[in-house]
């Protein structure tokens, strides 16, 4: 089901990522090239961090322990630097993280398929 969020694509003129909440979940939205990608913004490692401080291209890095995720697939592409085998303590979150389709409406807002 597509959900409209209160984010205009204009925000991506100055940054390549933003966090929004949909159905009580933090979703990281990234613009990479001409495409938009959505991914659950809870790290599968220890779960305490939203993946928002460092997005380079299509790679999101957890600010706490530097686990890296491909926002296109949700796959953890680099293990965390601290206690890499510890699972998420926050919720039942595992890699690959859930990903979501993102589209732009005619009036320039984002919609996420959750």
C-alpha atoms as a PDB file:
ATOM      1  CA  UNK A   1       0.000   0.000   0.000  1.00  0.00           C
ATOM      2  CA  UNK A   2       1.436   3.334  -1.045  1.00  0.00           C
ATOM      3  CA  UNK A   3       1.714   5.968   1.704  1.00  0.00           C
ATOM      4  CA  UNK A   4       2.277   9.626   0.988  1.00  0.00           C
ATOM      5  CA  UNK A   5       4.873  11.284   3.224  1.00  0.00           C
ATOM      6  CA  UNK A   6       5.310  14.994   3.860  1.00  0.00           C
ATOM      7  CA  UNK A   7       8.607  15.237   2.021  1.00  0.00           C
ATOM      8  CA  UNK A   8       9.042  17.109  -1.221  1.00  0.00           C
ATOM      9  CA  UNK A   9      11.669  15.870  -3.662  1.00  0.00           C
ATOM     10  CA  UNK A  10      13.093  19.397  -3.457  1.00  0.00           C
ATOM     11  CA  UNK A  11      14.869  18.319  -0.241  1.00  0.00           C
ATOM     12  CA  UNK A  12      17.166  16.184  -2.416  1.00  0.00           C
ATOM     13  CA  UNK A  13      18.609  19.296  -4.051  1.00  0.00           C
ATOM     14  CA  UNK A  14      20.763  19.759  -0.922  1.00  0.00           C
ATOM     15  CA  UNK A  15      21.145  16.202   0.381  1.00  0.00           C
ATOM     16  CA  UNK A  16      20.851  12.630  -0.838  1.00  0.00           C
ATOM     17  CA  UNK A  17      18.976  11.104   2.104  1.00  0.00           C
ATOM     18  CA  UNK A  18      16.235  11.765   4.617  1.00  0.00           C
ATOM     19  CA  UNK A  19      14.470   9.804   7.369  1.00  0.00           C
ATOM     20  CA  UNK A  20      10.676   9.654   7.515  1.00  0.00           C
ATOM     21  CA  UNK A  21       8.236   7.649   9.608  1.00  0.00           C
ATOM     22  CA  UNK A  22       5.660   5.394   7.958  1.00  0.00           C
ATOM     23  CA  UNK A  23       3.389   3.101   9.984  1.00  0.00           C
ATOM     24  CA  UNK A  24       5.545   3.668  13.093  1.00  0.00           C
ATOM     25  CA  UNK A  25       8.745   2.634  11.285  1.00  0.00           C
ATOM     26  CA  UNK A  26      11.714   4.877  10.491  1.00  0.00           C
ATOM     27  CA  UNK A  27      12.403   4.687   6.765  1.00  0.00           C
ATOM     28  CA  UNK A  28      15.601   5.954   5.201  1.00  0.00           C
ATOM     29  CA  UNK A  29      14.924   7.411   1.749  1.00  0.00           C
ATOM     30  CA  UNK A  30      17.939   7.846  -0.516  1.00  0.00           C
ATOM     31  CA  UNK A  31      18.212   9.423  -3.926  1.00  0.00           C
ATOM     32  CA  UNK A  32      20.873   7.682  -5.978  1.00  0.00           C
ATOM     33  CA  UNK A  33      21.145   8.833  -9.573  1.00  0.00           C
ATOM     34  CA  UNK A  34      17.597   9.364 -10.789  1.00  0.00           C
ATOM     35  CA  UNK A  35      16.145   6.706  -8.480  1.00  0.00           C
ATOM     36  CA  UNK A  36      14.753   6.755  -4.948  1.00  0.00           C
ATOM     37  CA  UNK A  37      15.221   3.880  -2.513  1.00  0.00           C
ATOM     38  CA  UNK A  38      13.618   3.191   0.844  1.00  0.00           C
ATOM     39  CA  UNK A  39      15.044   0.979   3.593  1.00  0.00           C
ATOM     40  CA  UNK A  40      14.198   0.351   7.242  1.00  0.00           C
ATOM     41  CA  UNK A  41      16.395   2.747   9.231  1.00  0.00           C
ATOM     42  CA  UNK A  42      17.167   0.455  12.183  1.00  0.00           C
ATOM     43  CA  UNK A  43      20.548  -1.221  12.217  1.00  0.00           C
ATOM     44  CA  UNK A  44      20.403  -5.027  12.333  1.00  0.00           C
ATOM     45  CA  UNK A  45      23.508  -5.049  14.523  1.00  0.00           C
ATOM     46  CA  UNK A  46      22.487  -3.562  17.869  1.00  0.00           C
ATOM     47  CA  UNK A  47      19.433  -1.723  16.613  1.00  0.00           C
ATOM     48  CA  UNK A  48      19.877   1.517  18.461  1.00  0.00           C
ATOM     49  CA  UNK A  49      20.715   3.783  15.559  1.00  0.00           C
ATOM     50  CA  UNK A  50      18.878   5.153  12.622  1.00  0.00           C
ATOM     51  CA  UNK A  51      21.022   5.049   9.501  1.00  0.00           C
ATOM     52  CA  UNK A  52      21.076   8.731   8.767  1.00  0.00           C
ATOM     53  CA  UNK A  53      24.425  10.352   9.390  1.00  0.00           C
ATOM     54  CA  UNK A  54      26.417   8.932   6.514  1.00  0.00           C
ATOM     55  CA  UNK A  55      25.005   7.981   3.123  1.00  0.00           C
ATOM     56  CA  UNK A  56      27.470   7.777   0.252  1.00  0.00           C
ATOM     57  CA  UNK A  57      25.855   6.897  -3.056  1.00  0.00           C
ATOM     58  CA  UNK A  58      23.783   3.816  -2.266  1.00  0.00           C
ATOM     59  CA  UNK A  59      25.706   2.853   0.905  1.00  0.00           C
ATOM     60  CA  UNK A  60      24.261   3.807   4.298  1.00  0.00           C
ATOM     61  CA  UNK A  61      26.547   3.597   7.312  1.00  0.00           C
ATOM     62  CA  UNK A  62      25.335   3.141  10.887  1.00  0.00           C
ATOM     63  CA  UNK A  63      26.822   5.984  12.940  1.00  0.00           C
ATOM     64  CA  UNK A  64      27.347   3.837  16.044  1.00  0.00           C
ATOM     65  CA  UNK A  65      29.494   0.949  14.824  1.00  0.00           C
ATOM     66  CA  UNK A  66      29.931   1.571  11.076  1.00  0.00           C
ATOM     67  CA  UNK A  67      27.931  -1.352   9.685  1.00  0.00           C
ATOM     68  CA  UNK A  68      27.294  -0.609   5.998  1.00  0.00           C
ATOM     69  CA  UNK A  69      24.124  -1.382   4.037  1.00  0.00           C
ATOM     70  CA  UNK A  70      23.202  -1.298   0.359  1.00  0.00           C
ATOM     71  CA  UNK A  71      19.985   0.773   0.332  1.00  0.00           C
ATOM     72  CA  UNK A  72      18.895  -0.873  -2.932  1.00  0.00           C
ATOM     73  CA  UNK A  73      18.788  -4.371  -1.427  1.00  0.00           C
ATOM     74  CA  UNK A  74      19.004  -3.929   2.367  1.00  0.00           C
ATOM     75  CA  UNK A  75      22.051  -6.222   2.467  1.00  0.00           C
ATOM     76  CA  UNK A  76      24.733  -5.599   5.082  1.00  0.00           C
ATOM     77  CA  UNK A  77      27.787  -5.174   2.883  1.00  0.00           C
ATOM     78  CA  UNK A  78      30.253  -4.523   5.686  1.00  0.00           C
ATOM     79  CA  UNK A  79      30.035  -5.839   9.237  1.00  0.00           C
ATOM     80  CA  UNK A  80      30.155  -3.446  12.188  1.00  0.00           C
ATOM     81  CA  UNK A  81      33.529  -2.614  13.671  1.00  0.00           C
ATOM     82  CA  UNK A  82      32.411  -3.315  17.268  1.00  0.00           C
ATOM     83  CA  UNK A  83      31.083  -6.705  18.369  1.00  0.00           C
ATOM     84  CA  UNK A  84      30.063  -7.726  14.820  1.00  0.00           C
ATOM     85  CA  UNK A  85      28.210 -10.893  15.868  1.00  0.00           C
ATOM     86  CA  UNK A  86      25.809  -9.201  18.303  1.00  0.00           C
ATOM     87  CA  UNK A  87      22.220  -9.199  17.060  1.00  0.00           C
ATOM     88  CA  UNK A  88      19.766  -6.338  17.217  1.00  0.00           C
ATOM     89  CA  UNK A  89      18.724  -5.722  20.816  1.00  0.00           C
ATOM     90  CA  UNK A  90      15.918  -3.327  19.897  1.00  0.00           C
ATOM     91  CA  UNK A  91      13.605  -5.462  17.804  1.00  0.00           C
ATOM     92  CA  UNK A  92      13.475  -8.533  15.608  1.00  0.00           C
ATOM     93  CA  UNK A  93      15.512  -6.887  12.864  1.00  0.00           C
ATOM     94  CA  UNK A  94      17.858  -8.898  10.655  1.00  0.00           C
ATOM     95  CA  UNK A  95      19.860  -8.222   7.535  1.00  0.00           C
ATOM     96  CA  UNK A  96      18.892  -7.860   4.833  1.00  0.00           C
ATOM     97  CA  UNK A  97      16.849  -4.918   6.080  1.00  0.00           C
ATOM     98  CA  UNK A  98      13.413  -4.494   4.527  1.00  0.00           C
ATOM     99  CA  UNK A  99      13.422  -2.239   1.492  1.00  0.00           C
ATOM    100  CA  UNK A 100      10.542  -0.215   0.073  1.00  0.00           C
ATOM    101  CA  UNK A 101       9.649   1.159  -3.335  1.00  0.00           C
ATOM    102  CA  UNK A 102       9.603   4.954  -3.466  1.00  0.00           C
ATOM    103  CA  UNK A 103       7.943   7.096  -6.090  1.00  0.00           C
ATOM    104  CA  UNK A 104       7.330  10.778  -6.725  1.00  0.00           C
ATOM    105  CA  UNK A 105       3.801  12.147  -7.073  1.00  0.00           C
ATOM    106  CA  UNK A 106       2.810  14.636  -9.754  1.00  0.00           C
ATOM    107  CA  UNK A 107       2.940  17.424  -7.160  1.00  0.00           C
ATOM    108  CA  UNK A 108       6.482  16.509  -6.065  1.00  0.00           C
ATOM    109  CA  UNK A 109       5.872  14.549  -2.853  1.00  0.00           C
ATOM    110  CA  UNK A 110       7.261  11.117  -2.019  1.00  0.00           C
ATOM    111  CA  UNK A 111       5.179   7.980  -1.645  1.00  0.00           C
ATOM    112  CA  UNK A 112       6.482   4.781  -0.074  1.00  0.00           C
ATOM    113  CA  UNK A 113       5.059   1.320  -0.672  1.00  0.00           C
ATOM    114  CA  UNK A 114       4.883  -0.343   2.756  1.00  0.00           C
END
